[in-house]
Amino acid sequence: MTLDASETVAWDGQPKLTTALPGVGMGIALLVGAAWLVTVQNESVVGILLGIAGVTVGLWAYLSVVNTEYVLSDRAVYTKQGVIGIRITESSLSKIQNSAFSQDALGSVFGYGTVTLEIAGGDDIQLRRIEEPETVRRLVDHATGEETPGSLEQWRAVLDEVRALRRAVESQAS
């Protein structure tokens, strides 16, 4: 991906490498099965084909992760994905209508998640399996000017004040 010379990168990243482990594990399991077929069952043709499948599955899982890049600049968000062919997606920050992040059970345990960006007039962009998705979402909100001002503590103090005012008004009405 090439950015304009005047663009500043606010964040760049890629999926967490450990997210390739299920595919790599499946590849290893296929290789073990292939070795068993060749050595114990004397099924060399089937074993070799299963071994090739195991190497392919494991390698594909790994390459899918390392060949994915995400970049958030002060002007746009970019994604680059692909093992054989490369697909680059770009969207101007002004077209981002909403952002959200999610973490499944494994993501919560291993510290990764997905940030989804809703794009006006286009397909959503997902930054999948990235570390610290909440922080990245905040960066997107800051870059698009959509961040909520103040901290959580400040907003809780405002809520407490509003509740106190409500109680005061209700007691006056009684």
Protein backbone atom coordinates (compact mmCIF):
# COMPACT_ATOMS: atom_id res chain seq x y z
CA MET A 1 0.00 0.00 0.00
CA THR A 2 1.31 3.41 -0.84
CA LEU A 3 0.05 6.45 1.01
CA ASP A 4 0.26 10.04 -0.11
CA ALA A 5 3.40 11.79 1.09
CA SER A 6 1.29 14.17 3.17
CA GLU A 7 -0.64 11.39 4.95
CA THR A 8 0.24 10.49 8.53
CA VAL A 9 -0.21 6.95 9.81
CA ALA A 10 -2.22 6.92 13.05
CA TRP A 11 -2.18 3.11 13.43
CA ASP A 12 -1.11 0.07 11.48
CA GLY A 13 -1.43 -3.57 12.31
CA GLN A 14 -2.38 -7.03 11.20
CA PRO A 15 -4.27 -9.99 12.61
CA LYS A 16 -2.71 -11.53 15.68
CA LEU A 17 -0.43 -14.37 14.59
CA THR A 18 -1.96 -16.80 17.08
CA THR A 19 -5.21 -16.67 15.09
CA ALA A 20 -3.51 -18.92 12.51
CA LEU A 21 -3.12 -21.69 15.10
CA PRO A 22 -6.40 -23.53 14.36
CA GLY A 23 -5.48 -23.85 10.67
CA VAL A 24 -1.90 -24.78 11.46
CA GLY A 25 -3.18 -27.34 14.00
CA MET A 26 -5.47 -28.85 11.37
CA GLY A 27 -2.54 -29.06 8.98
CA ILE A 28 -0.43 -30.85 11.60
CA ALA A 29 -3.31 -33.26 12.32
CA LEU A 30 -3.54 -34.04 8.60
CA LEU A 31 0.22 -34.61 8.47
CA VAL A 32 0.04 -37.01 11.43
CA GLY A 33 -2.80 -38.86 9.69
CA ALA A 34 -0.75 -39.00 6.51
CA ALA A 35 2.26 -40.39 8.36
CA TRP A 36 0.05 -43.03 9.99
CA LEU A 37 -1.42 -44.02 6.60
CA VAL A 38 2.01 -44.36 5.02
CA THR A 39 3.80 -46.15 7.88
CA VAL A 40 1.08 -48.32 9.45
CA GLN A 41 -1.47 -48.85 6.69
CA ASN A 42 0.94 -48.85 3.71
CA GLU A 43 -1.37 -46.44 1.89
CA SER A 44 1.31 -44.31 0.29
CA VAL A 45 -0.76 -42.59 -2.41
CA VAL A 46 -3.58 -41.58 -0.04
CA GLY A 47 -1.03 -40.72 2.66
CA ILE A 48 0.98 -38.50 0.34
CA LEU A 49 -2.18 -36.72 -0.83
CA LEU A 50 -3.26 -36.21 2.77
CA GLY A 51 0.23 -34.93 3.61
CA ILE A 52 0.06 -32.41 0.76
CA ALA A 53 -3.35 -31.31 2.01
CA GLY A 54 -1.93 -30.91 5.53
CA VAL A 55 0.95 -28.74 4.38
CA THR A 56 -1.39 -26.67 2.20
CA VAL A 57 -3.94 -26.07 4.99
CA GLY A 58 -1.30 -25.09 7.56
CA LEU A 59 0.66 -22.89 5.17
CA TRP A 60 -2.51 -21.19 3.90
CA ALA A 61 -3.63 -20.38 7.46
CA TYR A 62 -0.25 -18.85 8.27
CA LEU A 63 0.08 -16.90 5.01
CA SER A 64 -3.47 -15.56 5.30
CA VAL A 65 -2.51 -13.89 8.57
CA VAL A 66 0.93 -12.55 7.65
CA ASN A 67 -0.28 -11.25 4.27
CA THR A 68 -3.02 -9.09 5.80
CA GLU A 69 -2.28 -5.48 6.72
CA TYR A 70 -4.43 -2.68 8.07
CA VAL A 71 -3.55 1.02 8.07
CA LEU A 72 -5.40 3.97 9.55
CA SER A 73 -4.10 7.33 8.39
CA ASP A 74 -5.30 10.86 9.02
CA ARG A 75 -7.25 10.65 5.73
CA ALA A 76 -8.34 7.05 5.11
CA VAL A 77 -8.43 3.46 6.26
CA TYR A 78 -6.76 0.78 4.13
CA THR A 79 -6.80 -3.00 4.13
CA LYS A 80 -4.52 -5.29 2.14
CA GLN A 81 -5.30 -9.00 1.99
CA GLY A 82 -4.35 -11.94 -0.14
CA VAL A 83 -2.10 -14.95 -0.47
CA ILE A 84 -2.12 -15.50 -4.22
CA GLY A 85 -3.91 -12.37 -5.40
CA ILE A 86 -3.82 -9.13 -3.44
CA ARG A 87 -6.91 -7.07 -2.69
CA ILE A 88 -6.53 -3.53 -1.36
CA THR A 89 -9.54 -1.66 0.03
CA GLU A 90 -9.48 2.04 0.80
CA SER A 91 -12.10 4.30 2.28
CA SER A 92 -11.91 7.97 3.14
CA LEU A 93 -12.50 8.77 6.81
CA SER A 94 -15.33 11.10 5.79
CA LYS A 95 -17.28 8.07 4.50
CA ILE A 96 -17.16 6.20 7.82
CA GLN A 97 -20.63 6.44 9.33
CA ASN A 98 -20.24 4.21 12.36
CA SER A 99 -17.67 2.04 14.08
CA ALA A 100 -17.96 -0.92 16.43
CA PHE A 101 -15.72 -3.56 17.91
CA SER A 102 -16.43 -7.11 18.97
CA GLN A 103 -14.62 -9.94 20.69
CA ASP A 104 -15.72 -13.56 20.74
CA ALA A 105 -14.84 -15.87 23.64
CA LEU A 106 -11.41 -16.77 22.22
CA GLY A 107 -10.72 -13.14 21.40
CA SER A 108 -11.45 -12.14 24.98
CA VAL A 109 -9.10 -14.81 26.31
CA PHE A 110 -6.27 -14.19 23.84
CA GLY A 111 -6.67 -10.42 23.46
CA TYR A 112 -7.92 -9.89 19.94
CA GLY A 113 -11.13 -8.79 18.25
CA THR A 114 -12.66 -7.20 15.18
CA VAL A 115 -13.33 -3.54 14.43
CA THR A 116 -16.16 -2.98 11.93
CA LEU A 117 -16.42 0.30 10.04
CA GLU A 118 -19.70 1.12 8.29
CA ILE A 119 -18.92 2.89 5.03
CA ALA A 120 -21.42 5.22 3.31
CA GLY A 121 -22.28 3.87 -0.13
CA GLY A 122 -19.99 0.87 0.15
CA ASP A 123 -19.19 -2.37 1.88
CA ASP A 124 -18.25 -2.39 5.54
CA ILE A 125 -14.55 -2.70 6.34
CA GLN A 126 -13.52 -5.14 9.01
CA LEU A 127 -10.17 -5.11 10.75
CA ARG A 128 -10.29 -8.75 11.83
CA ARG A 129 -8.54 -10.45 14.74
CA ILE A 130 -6.47 -7.42 15.74
CA GLU A 131 -4.96 -6.74 19.14
CA GLU A 132 -6.70 -4.13 21.31
CA PRO A 133 -9.78 -3.61 19.11
CA GLU A 134 -11.35 -1.11 21.54
CA THR A 135 -8.27 1.12 21.33
CA VAL A 136 -8.27 0.95 17.52
CA ARG A 137 -11.96 1.83 17.44
CA ARG A 138 -11.27 4.87 19.64
CA LEU A 139 -8.51 5.92 17.21
CA VAL A 140 -10.96 5.66 14.31
CA ASP A 141 -13.55 7.69 16.22
CA HIS A 142 -10.91 10.31 17.04
CA ALA A 143 -9.73 10.45 13.42
CA THR A 144 -13.30 10.88 12.14
CA GLY A 145 -14.19 13.44 14.83
CA GLU A 146 -16.87 11.14 16.28
CA GLU A 147 -15.37 10.46 19.69
CA THR A 148 -17.43 11.17 22.78
CA PRO A 149 -15.88 14.01 24.80
CA GLY A 150 -14.95 13.36 28.39
CA SER A 151 -14.12 10.26 30.34
CA LEU A 152 -16.44 7.63 31.75
CA GLU A 153 -15.95 9.08 35.22
CA GLN A 154 -16.95 12.55 34.02
CA TRP A 155 -20.12 11.17 32.42
CA ARG A 156 -20.97 9.26 35.61
CA ALA A 157 -20.61 12.52 37.57
CA VAL A 158 -22.97 14.21 35.08
CA LEU A 159 -25.46 11.35 35.53
CA ASP A 160 -25.27 11.71 39.32
CA GLU A 161 -25.97 15.45 39.01
CA VAL A 162 -28.93 14.87 36.70
CA ARG A 163 -30.36 12.30 39.11
CA ALA A 164 -29.94 14.75 42.02
CA LEU A 165 -31.73 17.47 40.03
CA ARG A 166 -34.53 15.05 39.19
CA ARG A 167 -34.97 14.11 42.85
CA ALA A 168 -35.05 17.82 43.78
CA VAL A 169 -37.69 18.57 41.13
CA GLU A 170 -39.78 15.55 42.13
CA SER A 171 -39.65 16.51 45.82
CA GLN A 172 -40.81 20.07 44.94
CA ALA A 173 -43.74 18.67 42.93
CA SER A 174 -44.93 16.50 45.85
